[in-house]
Each structure stands twice: as C-alpha cells, then as structure tokens.
Amino acid sequence: MARIIIAGSTEQSREQLSRLLASSGHPVFRICSNAGELRRALNETEDGLLILAGRMADCRPDDLVWDYGDRVHILLIAREPVLEECESPEIFRLALPVSGQTVIGSVEMLTQMHRMRMPKRTGADKQIVEQAKELLMRRHGISEAEAHRTLQRFAMDHGMKMTEYAEKIIRSLG
C-alpha cells in the first residue's frame, strides 16, 4: 500500500484530511506543516502519495514533482488560483470546495495507479534486502528501520536499486 503523507499550511486542513482518510481505511504515514518536515518524510519513504492541502509558503508543488515525481504521486487540493500556479501536468488537482467522497475517490485512484507503477520486489530481492539489513543491524547496532533507511538513502544517492546496494553490503560485510 502506498504511504500517504499529508502536508498543508493550516492545522485544520491537515487534521480534516487525516480524519477523512483514516475513516475510509487509508492510514496516514506522516502529517507535515512545513517544507523541512515534508522533505524528511518524503526521504524516509521509498514511494507513496502526497496530499497537499492548499499552498505552503515554503514549498512549491512543481519543485516537489521535480525532486520526487518519479516515486510519489502528488494530489493538490486548493482554490482555483493556487491550482493555476502549478505548471506540472504530473500534479493531480482538486478544486475547493470539494466533497469528502471526491477526495477519497481521488486517493483510491492514485493508490491504484501507484500499485500499477511500482515494480514488485521478488521473493529473492526481499530476502537479499533483509539479509543486508540484518548485517547492518548487527555490525552497527542500529534498528531495522534505521538499517532500511540507510540502504534506501545510499541507493537513492548513488542511483542504484536497493537490491543492488544490498548485494554490495552482503559481499563486503558477509
């Protein structure tokens, strides 16, 4: 399932979206109030769905598409003038006012698109990643989540698949 991140400038809009999604069976991974939090959350997740509630003062949706568009679907829910500022055709838009059903329908459509887009890891790939995480955990005394982020971060920084980097770890530490 796609990890859902909610970001917006007002506490009310973030909470409203979070409650709506939770009541419809869509767990929220993170709720962010500024660009720093948002970018940290996006870096923590391999893929997912970002829902932007209105304009954020320190972050443009087009910049997010440029930085994360290959692994995150972006849904912008805002008034018409804000929607018109976005140039990227990769940003999905909903104009306010909008019903809860429309938001849920859009989220379900984007999560389905996400499932179709993301390559599935084979059992062997998963096993390689798990083995590398175990080696990192034992060697450096870190948690499973930290080992996962370490693998993920290095793979992203070097333009590699996580499995490729995991194989390197196994060869060097195993």
C-alpha atoms as a PDB file:
ATOM      1  CA  MET A   1       0.000   0.000   0.000  1.00  0.00           C
ATOM      2  CA  ALA A   2       1.174   3.494  -0.783  1.00  0.00           C
ATOM      3  CA  ARG A   3       2.349   5.530   2.172  1.00  0.00           C
ATOM      4  CA  ILE A   4       0.230   8.659   2.439  1.00  0.00           C
ATOM      5  CA  ILE A   5       1.793  11.944   3.503  1.00  0.00           C
ATOM      6  CA  ILE A   6      -0.399  14.974   4.192  1.00  0.00           C
ATOM      7  CA  ALA A   7       1.040  18.480   4.079  1.00  0.00           C
ATOM      8  CA  GLY A   8      -0.652  21.830   4.388  1.00  0.00           C
ATOM      9  CA  SER A   9      -0.327  25.280   5.816  1.00  0.00           C
ATOM     10  CA  THR A  10      -3.232  25.061   8.284  1.00  0.00           C
ATOM     11  CA  GLU A  11      -3.661  22.631  11.154  1.00  0.00           C
ATOM     12  CA  GLN A  12      -7.383  22.421  10.422  1.00  0.00           C
ATOM     13  CA  SER A  13      -6.944  21.276   6.805  1.00  0.00           C
ATOM     14  CA  ARG A  14      -4.297  18.694   7.759  1.00  0.00           C
ATOM     15  CA  GLU A  15      -6.440  17.250  10.551  1.00  0.00           C
ATOM     16  CA  GLN A  16      -9.577  17.222   8.410  1.00  0.00           C
ATOM     17  CA  LEU A  17      -7.816  15.268   5.673  1.00  0.00           C
ATOM     18  CA  SER A  18      -6.242  12.895   8.168  1.00  0.00           C
ATOM     19  CA  ARG A  19      -9.601  12.088   9.790  1.00  0.00           C
ATOM     20  CA  LEU A  20     -11.276  11.650   6.401  1.00  0.00           C
ATOM     21  CA  LEU A  21      -8.615   9.235   5.172  1.00  0.00           C
ATOM     22  CA  ALA A  22      -8.468   7.268   8.428  1.00  0.00           C
ATOM     23  CA  SER A  23     -12.248   6.839   8.465  1.00  0.00           C
ATOM     24  CA  SER A  24     -12.047   5.442   4.921  1.00  0.00           C
ATOM     25  CA  GLY A  25      -9.345   2.889   5.724  1.00  0.00           C
ATOM     26  CA  HIS A  26      -6.362   4.834   4.388  1.00  0.00           C
ATOM     27  CA  PRO A  27      -3.692   5.091   7.111  1.00  0.00           C
ATOM     28  CA  VAL A  28      -1.626   8.272   7.070  1.00  0.00           C
ATOM     29  CA  PHE A  29       2.162   7.842   7.276  1.00  0.00           C
ATOM     30  CA  ARG A  30       3.026  11.462   8.188  1.00  0.00           C
ATOM     31  CA  ILE A  31       1.387  14.863   8.616  1.00  0.00           C
ATOM     32  CA  CYS A  32       3.682  17.795   7.805  1.00  0.00           C
ATOM     33  CA  SER A  33       3.304  21.525   8.393  1.00  0.00           C
ATOM     34  CA  ASN A  34       6.381  22.851   6.561  1.00  0.00           C
ATOM     35  CA  ALA A  35       8.769  22.023   3.728  1.00  0.00           C
ATOM     36  CA  GLY A  36      11.501  20.677   6.006  1.00  0.00           C
ATOM     37  CA  GLU A  37       9.201  18.136   7.633  1.00  0.00           C
ATOM     38  CA  LEU A  38       7.736  17.242   4.261  1.00  0.00           C
ATOM     39  CA  ARG A  39      11.089  16.610   2.599  1.00  0.00           C
ATOM     40  CA  ARG A  40      12.255  14.489   5.559  1.00  0.00           C
ATOM     41  CA  ALA A  41       9.072  12.406   5.324  1.00  0.00           C
ATOM     42  CA  LEU A  42       9.476  12.001   1.555  1.00  0.00           C
ATOM     43  CA  ASN A  43      13.089  10.921   2.031  1.00  0.00           C
ATOM     44  CA  GLU A  44      12.010   8.334   4.607  1.00  0.00           C
ATOM     45  CA  THR A  45       9.594   6.658   2.245  1.00  0.00           C
ATOM     46  CA  GLU A  46      10.509   4.820  -0.918  1.00  0.00           C
ATOM     47  CA  ASP A  47       7.277   5.724  -2.633  1.00  0.00           C
ATOM     48  CA  GLY A  48       3.800   6.941  -1.866  1.00  0.00           C
ATOM     49  CA  LEU A  49       1.112   9.541  -2.208  1.00  0.00           C
ATOM     50  CA  LEU A  50       1.496  13.161  -1.148  1.00  0.00           C
ATOM     51  CA  ILE A  51      -1.656  15.169  -0.486  1.00  0.00           C
ATOM     52  CA  LEU A  52      -1.093  18.918  -0.348  1.00  0.00           C
ATOM     53  CA  ALA A  53      -3.862  20.910   1.323  1.00  0.00           C
ATOM     54  CA  GLY A  54      -3.546  24.369  -0.177  1.00  0.00           C
ATOM     55  CA  ARG A  55      -0.433  26.459  -0.682  1.00  0.00           C
ATOM     56  CA  MET A  56       2.569  26.026   1.576  1.00  0.00           C
ATOM     57  CA  ALA A  57       4.609  29.212   1.957  1.00  0.00           C
ATOM     58  CA  ASP A  58       7.993  27.481   1.800  1.00  0.00           C
ATOM     59  CA  CYS A  59       7.314  24.802  -0.808  1.00  0.00           C
ATOM     60  CA  ARG A  60       6.024  24.796  -4.388  1.00  0.00           C
ATOM     61  CA  PRO A  61       4.289  21.665  -5.749  1.00  0.00           C
ATOM     62  CA  ASP A  62       6.251  21.935  -9.015  1.00  0.00           C
ATOM     63  CA  ASP A  63       9.521  21.698  -7.056  1.00  0.00           C
ATOM     64  CA  LEU A  64       8.279  18.548  -5.342  1.00  0.00           C
ATOM     65  CA  VAL A  65       7.452  16.961  -8.701  1.00  0.00           C
ATOM     66  CA  TRP A  66      10.947  17.793  -9.894  1.00  0.00           C
ATOM     67  CA  ASP A  67      12.555  16.231  -6.800  1.00  0.00           C
ATOM     68  CA  TYR A  68      10.232  13.307  -6.031  1.00  0.00           C
ATOM     69  CA  GLY A  69       7.909  12.846  -9.019  1.00  0.00           C
ATOM     70  CA  ASP A  70       9.464   9.554 -10.061  1.00  0.00           C
ATOM     71  CA  ARG A  71       8.320   7.843  -6.867  1.00  0.00           C
ATOM     72  CA  VAL A  72       5.474   9.909  -5.404  1.00  0.00           C
ATOM     73  CA  HIS A  73       2.057  10.829  -6.777  1.00  0.00           C
ATOM     74  CA  ILE A  74       1.000  14.346  -5.771  1.00  0.00           C
ATOM     75  CA  LEU A  75      -2.593  15.446  -5.178  1.00  0.00           C
ATOM     76  CA  LEU A  76      -3.075  19.192  -4.669  1.00  0.00           C
ATOM     77  CA  ILE A  77      -6.362  20.264  -3.079  1.00  0.00           C
ATOM     78  CA  ALA A  78      -6.708  24.043  -3.250  1.00  0.00           C
ATOM     79  CA  ARG A  79      -8.633  27.020  -4.567  1.00  0.00           C
ATOM     80  CA  GLU A  80      -8.518  27.688  -8.300  1.00  0.00           C
ATOM     81  CA  PRO A  81      -5.821  30.453  -8.239  1.00  0.00           C
ATOM     82  CA  VAL A  82      -3.396  28.126  -6.415  1.00  0.00           C
ATOM     83  CA  LEU A  83      -4.118  25.285  -8.838  1.00  0.00           C
ATOM     84  CA  GLU A  84      -3.439  27.571 -11.793  1.00  0.00           C
ATOM     85  CA  GLU A  85       0.053  28.380 -10.466  1.00  0.00           C
ATOM     86  CA  CYS A  86       1.112  24.749 -10.937  1.00  0.00           C
ATOM     87  CA  GLU A  87       2.754  24.060 -14.259  1.00  0.00           C
ATOM     88  CA  SER A  88       3.476  20.351 -13.973  1.00  0.00           C
ATOM     89  CA  PRO A  89       0.959  18.032 -15.625  1.00  0.00           C
ATOM     90  CA  GLU A  90       2.034  15.337 -13.145  1.00  0.00           C
ATOM     91  CA  ILE A  91       0.224  17.063 -10.269  1.00  0.00           C
ATOM     92  CA  PHE A  92      -3.323  15.835  -9.764  1.00  0.00           C
ATOM     93  CA  ARG A  93      -5.612  18.696  -8.781  1.00  0.00           C
ATOM     94  CA  LEU A  94      -8.896  19.072  -6.932  1.00  0.00           C
ATOM     95  CA  ALA A  95     -10.515  22.499  -6.710  1.00  0.00           C
ATOM     96  CA  LEU A  96     -12.056  23.641  -3.422  1.00  0.00           C
ATOM     97  CA  PRO A  97     -14.764  23.324  -2.336  1.00  0.00           C
ATOM     98  CA  VAL A  98     -14.659  19.543  -2.746  1.00  0.00           C
ATOM     99  CA  SER A  99     -16.627  16.707  -1.157  1.00  0.00           C
ATOM    100  CA  GLY A 100     -15.063  14.055   1.030  1.00  0.00           C
ATOM    101  CA  GLN A 101     -16.212  11.381  -1.432  1.00  0.00           C
ATOM    102  CA  THR A 102     -14.343  13.105  -4.261  1.00  0.00           C
ATOM    103  CA  VAL A 103     -11.174  13.238  -2.167  1.00  0.00           C
ATOM    104  CA  ILE A 104     -11.479   9.547  -1.227  1.00  0.00           C
ATOM    105  CA  GLY A 105     -12.173   8.596  -4.846  1.00  0.00           C
ATOM    106  CA  SER A 106      -9.086  10.509  -5.972  1.00  0.00           C
ATOM    107  CA  VAL A 107      -6.920   8.919  -3.273  1.00  0.00           C
ATOM    108  CA  GLU A 108      -8.142   5.453  -4.252  1.00  0.00           C
ATOM    109  CA  MET A 109      -7.433   6.144  -7.927  1.00  0.00           C
ATOM    110  CA  LEU A 110      -3.918   7.386  -7.138  1.00  0.00           C
ATOM    111  CA  THR A 111      -3.134   4.431  -4.856  1.00  0.00           C
ATOM    112  CA  GLN A 112      -4.256   2.090  -7.622  1.00  0.00           C
ATOM    113  CA  MET A 113      -2.022   3.937 -10.110  1.00  0.00           C
ATOM    114  CA  HIS A 114       0.772   3.681  -7.560  1.00  0.00           C
ATOM    115  CA  ARG A 115       0.375  -0.103  -7.310  1.00  0.00           C
ATOM    116  CA  MET A 116       0.491  -0.438 -11.093  1.00  0.00           C
ATOM    117  CA  ARG A 117       3.551   1.823 -11.421  1.00  0.00           C
ATOM    118  CA  MET A 118       5.752   0.437  -8.682  1.00  0.00           C
ATOM    119  CA  PRO A 119       7.862  -2.591  -9.583  1.00  0.00           C
ATOM    120  CA  LYS A 120       7.266  -5.562  -7.343  1.00  0.00           C
ATOM    121  CA  ARG A 121      10.220  -6.986  -5.489  1.00  0.00           C
ATOM    122  CA  THR A 122      10.628 -10.699  -5.979  1.00  0.00           C
ATOM    123  CA  GLY A 123      10.999 -13.002  -3.010  1.00  0.00           C
ATOM    124  CA  ALA A 124      14.722 -13.271  -3.740  1.00  0.00           C
ATOM    125  CA  ASP A 125      15.086  -9.469  -3.809  1.00  0.00           C
ATOM    126  CA  LYS A 126      13.273  -9.149  -0.482  1.00  0.00           C
ATOM    127  CA  GLN A 127      15.495 -11.820   1.019  1.00  0.00           C
ATOM    128  CA  ILE A 128      18.652 -10.013  -0.154  1.00  0.00           C
ATOM    129  CA  VAL A 129      17.446  -6.709   1.337  1.00  0.00           C
ATOM    130  CA  GLU A 130      16.512  -8.414   4.632  1.00  0.00           C
ATOM    131  CA  GLN A 131      19.906 -10.119   4.820  1.00  0.00           C
ATOM    132  CA  ALA A 132      21.714  -6.814   4.229  1.00  0.00           C
ATOM    133  CA  LYS A 133      19.574  -5.092   6.886  1.00  0.00           C
ATOM    134  CA  GLU A 134      20.447  -7.832   9.386  1.00  0.00           C
ATOM    135  CA  LEU A 135      24.156  -7.384   8.651  1.00  0.00           C
ATOM    136  CA  LEU A 136      23.900  -3.614   9.123  1.00  0.00           C
ATOM    137  CA  MET A 137      21.916  -4.025  12.348  1.00  0.00           C
ATOM    138  CA  ARG A 138      24.451  -6.435  13.849  1.00  0.00           C
ATOM    139  CA  ARG A 139      27.505  -4.560  12.632  1.00  0.00           C
ATOM    140  CA  HIS A 140      26.382  -1.045  13.649  1.00  0.00           C
ATOM    141  CA  GLY A 141      23.900  -1.769  16.449  1.00  0.00           C
ATOM    142  CA  ILE A 142      21.025   0.016  14.706  1.00  0.00           C
ATOM    143  CA  SER A 143      17.316  -0.729  14.458  1.00  0.00           C
ATOM    144  CA  GLU A 144      15.640  -2.390  11.481  1.00  0.00           C
ATOM    145  CA  ALA A 145      14.086   0.927  10.434  1.00  0.00           C
ATOM    146  CA  GLU A 146      17.491   2.663  10.566  1.00  0.00           C
ATOM    147  CA  ALA A 147      19.070  -0.120   8.517  1.00  0.00           C
ATOM    148  CA  HIS A 148      16.274   0.193   5.955  1.00  0.00           C
ATOM    149  CA  ARG A 149      16.730   3.974   5.718  1.00  0.00           C
ATOM    150  CA  THR A 150      20.499   3.541   5.379  1.00  0.00           C
ATOM    151  CA  LEU A 151      20.051   1.141   2.462  1.00  0.00           C
ATOM    152  CA  GLN A 152      17.403   3.359   0.921  1.00  0.00           C
ATOM    153  CA  ARG A 153      19.363   6.590   1.295  1.00  0.00           C
ATOM    154  CA  PHE A 154      22.593   5.206  -0.132  1.00  0.00           C
ATOM    155  CA  ALA A 155      20.802   3.564  -3.057  1.00  0.00           C
ATOM    156  CA  MET A 156      18.997   6.830  -3.864  1.00  0.00           C
ATOM    157  CA  ASP A 157      22.151   8.931  -3.523  1.00  0.00           C
ATOM    158  CA  HIS A 158      24.022   6.656  -5.921  1.00  0.00           C
ATOM    159  CA  GLY A 159      21.211   5.991  -8.396  1.00  0.00           C
ATOM    160  CA  MET A 160      21.074   2.296  -7.571  1.00  0.00           C
ATOM    161  CA  LYS A 161      18.250  -0.083  -6.816  1.00  0.00           C
ATOM    162  CA  MET A 162      18.033  -1.012  -3.174  1.00  0.00           C
ATOM    163  CA  THR A 163      18.634  -4.678  -4.040  1.00  0.00           C
ATOM    164  CA  GLU A 164      21.860  -3.808  -5.885  1.00  0.00           C
ATOM    165  CA  TYR A 165      23.193  -1.928  -2.882  1.00  0.00           C
ATOM    166  CA  ALA A 166      22.061  -4.720  -0.539  1.00  0.00           C
ATOM    167  CA  GLU A 167      24.106  -7.173  -2.613  1.00  0.00           C
ATOM    168  CA  LYS A 168      27.162  -4.906  -2.219  1.00  0.00           C
ATOM    169  CA  ILE A 169      26.644  -4.843   1.564  1.00  0.00           C
ATOM    170  CA  ILE A 170      26.409  -8.627   1.697  1.00  0.00           C
ATOM    171  CA  ARG A 171      29.598  -9.012  -0.364  1.00  0.00           C
ATOM    172  CA  SER A 172      31.541  -6.552   1.788  1.00  0.00           C
ATOM    173  CA  LEU A 173      30.202  -7.432   5.269  1.00  0.00           C
ATOM    174  CA  GLY A 174      29.018 -11.017   4.783  1.00  0.00           C
END
